Amino acid sequence: MKSGQWSGVTVLSVDASWAWVRTAQVGRLAVSVGDRPEIFPINFLVDHATIVFRTAEGTKLAATAVSPHVAFEVDGYESATGQAWSVVIKGRAEEITQLYDLLETTTFPLFPWQAGHKDRFVRIVVEEVTGREFHVVDPAIWRTSMTEAHHAPLE
């Protein structure tokens, strides 16, 4: 799954990035709401090199209608090998409204984790895919003399 490497981080090819995305169930959707970023966890599926998710009327749907340029991130960790990966997809979100496409969504194994009506489908038409893979290092290498110092309690 590797295509280029620098300082312990392997840059993944587009195909390798998609392979990792297909193994995940949950990602994070970043949208613009007004002039502020918002991030939402969503469950999704890959359909013909696009990302599809279900939602209800609300912030995600409204934000993608007003400003369709979005980012989507999926990460994972393979505990057996100590390998971690991260893929970022940038693209344009479009609500699925065409009859044929809506009918096709009824066959998708995409079931919301949260109760409620989530009868709107959104597709992220992908413009850019970047991925990275790296080995998780022992946290001890980051310890300093200050690591064990007492800190003020959270207020």
Protein backbone atom coordinates (compact mmCIF):
# COMPACT_ATOMS: atom_id res chain seq x y z
CA MET A 1 0.00 0.00 0.00
CA LYS A 2 3.00 2.31 -0.14
CA SER A 3 4.00 4.83 -2.78
CA GLY A 4 6.42 7.31 -1.19
CA GLN A 5 8.06 7.80 2.21
CA TRP A 6 9.52 10.59 4.35
CA SER A 7 10.53 10.57 8.05
CA GLY A 8 8.59 7.45 8.98
CA VAL A 9 5.43 8.48 7.14
CA THR A 10 4.47 6.65 4.00
CA VAL A 11 2.43 8.59 1.47
CA LEU A 12 -0.24 6.26 0.12
CA SER A 13 -1.30 6.01 -3.49
CA VAL A 14 -4.89 6.91 -4.31
CA ASP A 15 -5.75 3.21 -4.72
CA ALA A 16 -4.16 2.32 -1.37
CA SER A 17 -6.02 5.20 0.28
CA TRP A 18 -9.35 3.95 -1.11
CA ALA A 19 -8.51 0.43 0.11
CA TRP A 20 -8.20 1.74 3.67
CA VAL A 21 -11.37 3.85 3.39
CA ARG A 22 -13.32 0.75 2.32
CA THR A 23 -12.33 -0.97 5.59
CA ALA A 24 -13.84 1.76 7.78
CA GLN A 25 -17.39 2.37 8.92
CA VAL A 26 -17.12 5.84 10.43
CA GLY A 27 -15.46 9.01 9.21
CA ARG A 28 -15.64 12.72 9.93
CA LEU A 29 -17.30 15.22 7.63
CA ALA A 30 -15.97 18.78 7.74
CA VAL A 31 -18.29 21.52 6.45
CA SER A 32 -18.46 25.30 6.61
CA VAL A 33 -21.31 26.79 8.61
CA GLY A 34 -21.24 30.51 8.06
CA ASP A 35 -17.59 31.36 8.43
CA ARG A 36 -16.82 28.58 10.91
CA PRO A 37 -15.81 24.95 10.40
CA GLU A 38 -17.93 22.15 11.83
CA ILE A 39 -17.04 18.46 12.00
CA PHE A 40 -19.52 15.58 12.25
CA PRO A 41 -18.93 11.85 12.70
CA ILE A 42 -20.85 9.93 10.05
CA ASN A 43 -21.20 6.35 8.96
CA PHE A 44 -20.80 5.99 5.22
CA LEU A 45 -20.16 3.71 2.30
CA VAL A 46 -18.04 3.90 -0.84
CA ASP A 47 -20.04 3.86 -4.07
CA HIS A 48 -18.18 4.10 -7.39
CA ALA A 49 -15.30 6.11 -5.91
CA THR A 50 -17.64 8.49 -4.09
CA ILE A 51 -18.67 8.68 -0.44
CA VAL A 52 -22.38 8.35 0.41
CA PHE A 53 -23.98 9.07 3.77
CA ARG A 54 -27.48 9.41 5.20
CA THR A 55 -28.67 12.41 7.14
CA ALA A 56 -31.75 14.30 8.20
CA GLU A 57 -32.64 17.92 7.59
CA GLY A 58 -30.32 19.95 9.73
CA THR A 59 -26.85 21.44 9.88
CA LYS A 60 -25.01 18.94 7.65
CA LEU A 61 -27.59 19.07 4.88
CA ALA A 62 -27.99 22.85 5.03
CA ALA A 63 -24.23 23.45 5.14
CA THR A 64 -23.57 21.27 2.09
CA ALA A 65 -26.35 23.02 0.17
CA VAL A 66 -24.90 26.47 0.91
CA SER A 67 -21.21 25.56 0.63
CA PRO A 68 -20.77 22.19 -1.07
CA HIS A 69 -16.98 22.00 -0.75
CA VAL A 70 -16.26 19.55 2.06
CA ALA A 71 -13.50 17.45 3.55
CA PHE A 72 -13.91 13.90 4.81
CA GLU A 73 -11.40 12.06 6.98
CA VAL A 74 -11.08 8.41 7.94
CA ASP A 75 -8.41 7.02 10.26
CA GLY A 76 -7.51 3.61 11.53
CA TYR A 77 -5.08 1.67 13.63
CA GLU A 78 -3.96 -1.93 13.25
CA SER A 79 -3.01 -2.97 16.78
CA ALA A 80 -1.40 -6.22 15.63
CA THR A 81 1.17 -4.37 13.52
CA GLY A 82 1.24 -0.96 15.23
CA GLN A 83 0.41 0.69 11.91
CA ALA A 84 -1.85 3.73 11.79
CA TRP A 85 -3.31 5.36 8.70
CA SER A 86 -5.23 8.48 7.78
CA VAL A 87 -7.03 9.38 4.55
CA VAL A 88 -8.44 12.80 3.68
CA ILE A 89 -10.89 13.20 0.84
CA LYS A 90 -11.85 16.61 -0.50
CA GLY A 91 -14.76 17.12 -2.81
CA ARG A 92 -18.19 18.48 -3.47
CA ALA A 93 -21.23 17.30 -1.52
CA GLU A 94 -24.45 16.85 -3.48
CA GLU A 95 -27.79 15.69 -2.16
CA ILE A 96 -29.01 12.70 -4.16
CA THR A 97 -32.26 13.82 -5.75
CA GLN A 98 -32.48 12.10 -9.15
CA LEU A 99 -35.11 9.33 -9.14
CA TYR A 100 -32.84 6.57 -10.47
CA ASP A 101 -30.11 7.45 -7.97
CA LEU A 102 -32.61 7.62 -5.10
CA LEU A 103 -33.95 4.19 -6.02
CA GLU A 104 -30.41 2.84 -6.00
CA THR A 105 -29.88 4.15 -2.45
CA THR A 106 -32.58 1.75 -1.22
CA THR A 107 -30.16 -1.10 -1.95
CA PHE A 108 -27.26 0.43 -0.01
CA PRO A 109 -26.34 -1.30 3.26
CA LEU A 110 -26.16 2.07 4.97
CA PHE A 111 -27.96 2.16 8.28
CA PRO A 112 -27.77 5.15 10.64
CA TRP A 113 -26.41 4.46 14.09
CA GLN A 114 -28.60 7.11 15.65
CA ALA A 115 -32.38 6.80 15.93
CA GLY A 116 -34.59 9.13 13.95
CA HIS A 117 -35.48 9.75 10.34
CA LYS A 118 -32.38 9.96 8.20
CA ASP A 119 -34.04 9.79 4.80
CA ARG A 120 -31.76 12.18 2.91
CA PHE A 121 -28.73 10.83 1.05
CA VAL A 122 -25.65 12.92 0.25
CA ARG A 123 -22.84 11.97 -2.12
CA ILE A 124 -19.35 13.41 -1.92
CA VAL A 125 -18.02 13.68 -5.46
CA VAL A 126 -14.31 13.27 -4.91
CA GLU A 127 -11.81 15.80 -6.21
CA GLU A 128 -8.72 14.87 -4.16
CA VAL A 129 -7.59 11.87 -2.11
CA THR A 130 -4.51 11.88 0.12
CA GLY A 131 -3.41 9.20 2.54
CA ARG A 132 -0.63 8.47 4.95
CA GLU A 133 0.49 5.45 6.91
CA PHE A 134 2.95 5.31 9.78
CA HIS A 135 4.13 3.13 12.64
CA VAL A 136 2.96 4.31 16.06
CA VAL A 137 5.99 4.98 18.26
CA ASP A 138 6.38 4.19 21.93
CA PRO A 139 4.99 7.18 23.90
CA ALA A 140 8.02 7.00 26.19
CA ILE A 141 10.19 8.72 23.58
CA TRP A 142 8.15 11.90 24.12
CA ARG A 143 8.51 11.98 27.90
CA THR A 144 10.38 14.87 29.47
CA SER A 145 11.17 15.84 33.05
CA MET A 146 7.97 17.89 33.00
CA THR A 147 5.73 14.98 31.92
CA GLU A 148 5.26 13.72 35.46
CA ALA A 149 4.93 17.21 37.02
CA HIS A 150 1.75 17.95 38.92
CA HIS A 151 -0.75 20.04 37.03
CA ALA A 152 -3.58 22.18 38.32
CA PRO A 153 -6.91 20.32 38.33
CA LEU A 154 -9.33 21.01 35.53
CA GLU A 155 -11.89 23.64 36.42
